[in-house]
N, C-alpha and C. Protein backbone atom coordinates (compact mmCIF):
# COMPACT_ATOMS: atom_id res chain seq x y z
N MET A 1 7.87 97.54 -217.01
CA MET A 1 8.56 96.43 -216.39
C MET A 1 8.65 96.62 -214.88
N GLU A 2 8.66 97.85 -214.40
CA GLU A 2 8.74 98.10 -212.97
C GLU A 2 7.50 97.60 -212.24
N ASP A 3 6.34 97.60 -212.90
CA ASP A 3 5.11 97.12 -212.29
C ASP A 3 5.22 95.64 -211.91
N VAL A 4 5.97 94.89 -212.66
CA VAL A 4 6.14 93.47 -212.39
C VAL A 4 6.84 93.27 -211.05
N VAL A 5 7.78 94.14 -210.72
CA VAL A 5 8.51 94.05 -209.46
C VAL A 5 7.60 94.39 -208.28
N ALA A 6 6.76 95.38 -208.41
CA ALA A 6 5.90 95.82 -207.31
C ALA A 6 4.75 94.85 -207.08
N HIS A 7 4.29 94.17 -208.09
CA HIS A 7 3.11 93.32 -207.98
C HIS A 7 3.23 92.21 -206.94
N PRO A 8 4.33 91.45 -206.86
CA PRO A 8 4.41 90.41 -205.83
C PRO A 8 4.34 90.98 -204.41
N GLN A 9 4.86 92.17 -204.19
CA GLN A 9 4.82 92.77 -202.86
C GLN A 9 3.39 93.13 -202.50
N VAL A 10 2.61 93.58 -203.46
CA VAL A 10 1.21 93.90 -203.21
C VAL A 10 0.46 92.61 -202.87
N ASN A 11 0.74 91.53 -203.60
CA ASN A 11 0.10 90.25 -203.31
C ASN A 11 0.46 89.76 -201.92
N GLN A 12 1.71 89.93 -201.51
CA GLN A 12 2.12 89.52 -200.18
C GLN A 12 1.39 90.35 -199.13
N ALA A 13 1.27 91.65 -199.36
CA ALA A 13 0.54 92.51 -198.43
C ALA A 13 -0.91 92.07 -198.37
N SER A 14 -1.49 91.72 -199.50
CA SER A 14 -2.87 91.24 -199.52
C SER A 14 -3.01 89.96 -198.72
N SER A 15 -2.01 89.11 -198.77
CA SER A 15 -2.02 87.87 -198.00
C SER A 15 -2.05 88.17 -196.50
N TRP A 16 -1.24 89.13 -196.07
CA TRP A 16 -1.25 89.53 -194.65
C TRP A 16 -2.62 90.07 -194.27
N LEU A 17 -3.22 90.86 -195.15
CA LEU A 17 -4.53 91.44 -194.85
C LEU A 17 -5.63 90.38 -194.79
N LEU A 18 -5.54 89.38 -195.64
CA LEU A 18 -6.52 88.29 -195.59
C LEU A 18 -6.40 87.50 -194.29
N ARG A 19 -5.17 87.30 -193.85
CA ARG A 19 -4.97 86.62 -192.57
C ARG A 19 -5.53 87.45 -191.43
N ALA A 20 -5.29 88.75 -191.48
CA ALA A 20 -5.82 89.65 -190.44
C ALA A 20 -7.34 89.58 -190.41
N LYS A 21 -7.96 89.55 -191.58
CA LYS A 21 -9.42 89.48 -191.65
C LYS A 21 -9.91 88.18 -191.02
N ALA A 22 -9.23 87.09 -191.27
CA ALA A 22 -9.63 85.80 -190.69
C ALA A 22 -9.56 85.85 -189.17
N PHE A 23 -8.51 86.47 -188.63
CA PHE A 23 -8.38 86.59 -187.18
C PHE A 23 -9.51 87.45 -186.61
N LEU A 24 -9.84 88.52 -187.31
CA LEU A 24 -10.93 89.38 -186.84
C LEU A 24 -12.27 88.66 -186.90
N ASP A 25 -12.48 87.88 -187.94
CA ASP A 25 -13.71 87.10 -188.03
C ASP A 25 -13.82 86.13 -186.85
N ASP A 26 -12.72 85.48 -186.52
CA ASP A 26 -12.71 84.56 -185.37
C ASP A 26 -12.96 85.33 -184.07
N ALA A 27 -12.35 86.49 -183.95
CA ALA A 27 -12.52 87.28 -182.73
C ALA A 27 -13.97 87.71 -182.55
N ARG A 28 -14.64 88.03 -183.63
CA ARG A 28 -16.03 88.46 -183.53
C ARG A 28 -16.96 87.36 -183.03
N ARG A 29 -16.54 86.12 -183.21
CA ARG A 29 -17.36 85.00 -182.74
C ARG A 29 -17.22 84.76 -181.24
N LEU A 30 -16.21 85.35 -180.63
CA LEU A 30 -15.95 85.14 -179.20
C LEU A 30 -16.61 86.23 -178.36
N ARG A 31 -16.87 85.88 -177.13
CA ARG A 31 -17.35 86.88 -176.18
C ARG A 31 -16.18 87.79 -175.81
N PRO A 32 -16.48 89.02 -175.39
CA PRO A 32 -15.39 89.91 -174.95
C PRO A 32 -14.57 89.25 -173.84
N GLY A 33 -13.27 89.42 -173.96
CA GLY A 33 -12.37 88.83 -172.97
C GLY A 33 -10.96 88.72 -173.53
N PRO A 34 -10.08 88.08 -172.77
CA PRO A 34 -8.66 88.00 -173.17
C PRO A 34 -8.43 87.29 -174.50
N ALA A 35 -9.16 86.22 -174.76
CA ALA A 35 -8.96 85.48 -176.02
C ALA A 35 -9.33 86.34 -177.22
N ARG A 36 -10.44 87.05 -177.10
CA ARG A 36 -10.88 87.93 -178.18
C ARG A 36 -9.88 89.07 -178.38
N ASP A 37 -9.42 89.65 -177.28
CA ASP A 37 -8.44 90.74 -177.36
C ASP A 37 -7.15 90.28 -178.03
N GLU A 38 -6.73 89.04 -177.73
CA GLU A 38 -5.50 88.51 -178.32
C GLU A 38 -5.64 88.37 -179.83
N LEU A 39 -6.77 87.85 -180.29
CA LEU A 39 -6.99 87.72 -181.73
C LEU A 39 -7.02 89.09 -182.42
N ARG A 40 -7.64 90.06 -181.77
CA ARG A 40 -7.68 91.41 -182.34
C ARG A 40 -6.27 92.00 -182.42
N GLU A 41 -5.44 91.72 -181.42
CA GLU A 41 -4.06 92.22 -181.43
C GLU A 41 -3.25 91.58 -182.56
N VAL A 42 -3.44 90.28 -182.75
CA VAL A 42 -2.75 89.60 -183.85
C VAL A 42 -3.16 90.21 -185.18
N ALA A 43 -4.44 90.49 -185.36
CA ALA A 43 -4.92 91.10 -186.60
C ALA A 43 -4.30 92.48 -186.79
N ARG A 44 -4.19 93.24 -185.70
CA ARG A 44 -3.59 94.58 -185.78
C ARG A 44 -2.14 94.48 -186.24
N VAL A 45 -1.39 93.52 -185.69
CA VAL A 45 0.01 93.34 -186.07
C VAL A 45 0.12 92.92 -187.54
N LEU A 46 -0.75 92.02 -187.98
CA LEU A 46 -0.72 91.60 -189.39
C LEU A 46 -1.00 92.76 -190.33
N ARG A 47 -1.95 93.63 -189.96
CA ARG A 47 -2.22 94.81 -190.79
C ARG A 47 -1.01 95.74 -190.83
N GLU A 48 -0.32 95.86 -189.71
CA GLU A 48 0.88 96.71 -189.66
C GLU A 48 1.99 96.12 -190.55
N ILE A 49 2.15 94.81 -190.51
CA ILE A 49 3.14 94.16 -191.38
C ILE A 49 2.82 94.43 -192.84
N ALA A 50 1.54 94.31 -193.20
CA ALA A 50 1.13 94.57 -194.59
C ALA A 50 1.44 96.01 -194.97
N ARG A 51 1.15 96.95 -194.07
CA ARG A 51 1.41 98.36 -194.34
C ARG A 51 2.91 98.61 -194.54
N LEU A 52 3.73 98.05 -193.66
CA LEU A 52 5.18 98.25 -193.76
C LEU A 52 5.75 97.59 -195.01
N GLU A 53 5.25 96.43 -195.35
CA GLU A 53 5.74 95.74 -196.54
C GLU A 53 5.39 96.53 -197.81
N THR A 54 4.19 97.09 -197.84
CA THR A 54 3.78 97.89 -198.99
C THR A 54 4.65 99.14 -199.09
N GLN A 55 4.89 99.80 -197.97
CA GLN A 55 5.72 101.01 -197.98
C GLN A 55 7.14 100.69 -198.42
N SER A 56 7.71 99.60 -197.93
CA SER A 56 9.09 99.26 -198.30
C SER A 56 9.17 98.92 -199.78
N GLY A 57 8.12 98.32 -200.33
CA GLY A 57 8.10 98.01 -201.76
C GLY A 57 8.07 99.26 -202.60
N PHE A 58 7.26 100.24 -202.18
CA PHE A 58 7.21 101.48 -202.93
C PHE A 58 8.51 102.24 -202.83
N ALA A 59 9.14 102.24 -201.67
CA ALA A 59 10.41 102.94 -201.48
C ALA A 59 11.49 102.31 -202.35
N THR A 60 11.50 100.98 -202.43
CA THR A 60 12.48 100.27 -203.25
C THR A 60 12.27 100.61 -204.72
N ASP A 61 11.02 100.65 -205.17
CA ASP A 61 10.75 100.97 -206.57
C ASP A 61 11.14 102.41 -206.90
N LEU A 62 10.94 103.31 -205.96
CA LEU A 62 11.26 104.71 -206.23
C LEU A 62 12.75 104.95 -206.39
N ASP A 63 13.59 104.24 -205.63
CA ASP A 63 15.03 104.47 -205.75
C ASP A 63 15.66 103.63 -206.85
N GLY A 64 14.86 102.77 -207.49
CA GLY A 64 15.36 102.03 -208.65
C GLY A 64 16.14 100.79 -208.31
N SER A 65 16.23 100.42 -207.03
CA SER A 65 17.01 99.24 -206.67
C SER A 65 16.12 98.09 -206.27
N GLY A 66 14.93 97.99 -206.81
CA GLY A 66 13.97 96.96 -206.45
C GLY A 66 14.26 95.63 -207.12
N ASP A 67 15.20 94.87 -206.60
CA ASP A 67 15.54 93.57 -207.16
C ASP A 67 14.69 92.46 -206.60
N SER A 68 13.95 92.69 -205.52
CA SER A 68 13.20 91.61 -204.89
C SER A 68 11.85 91.39 -205.51
């Protein structure tokens, strides 16, 4: 039953990662410059959000208080 609690958090993290991939794909189409750098930075932040969300989900499951 605990797997059911962790699964939505993994899906949410996957959603952040898919968004990050889309930003990187857009950045690759641009020439080097500020616009490209901005898209790459957004992708980096989205990947960090996914990483933090995944970690917080595992920490919640480990202490047994994972109600979300």
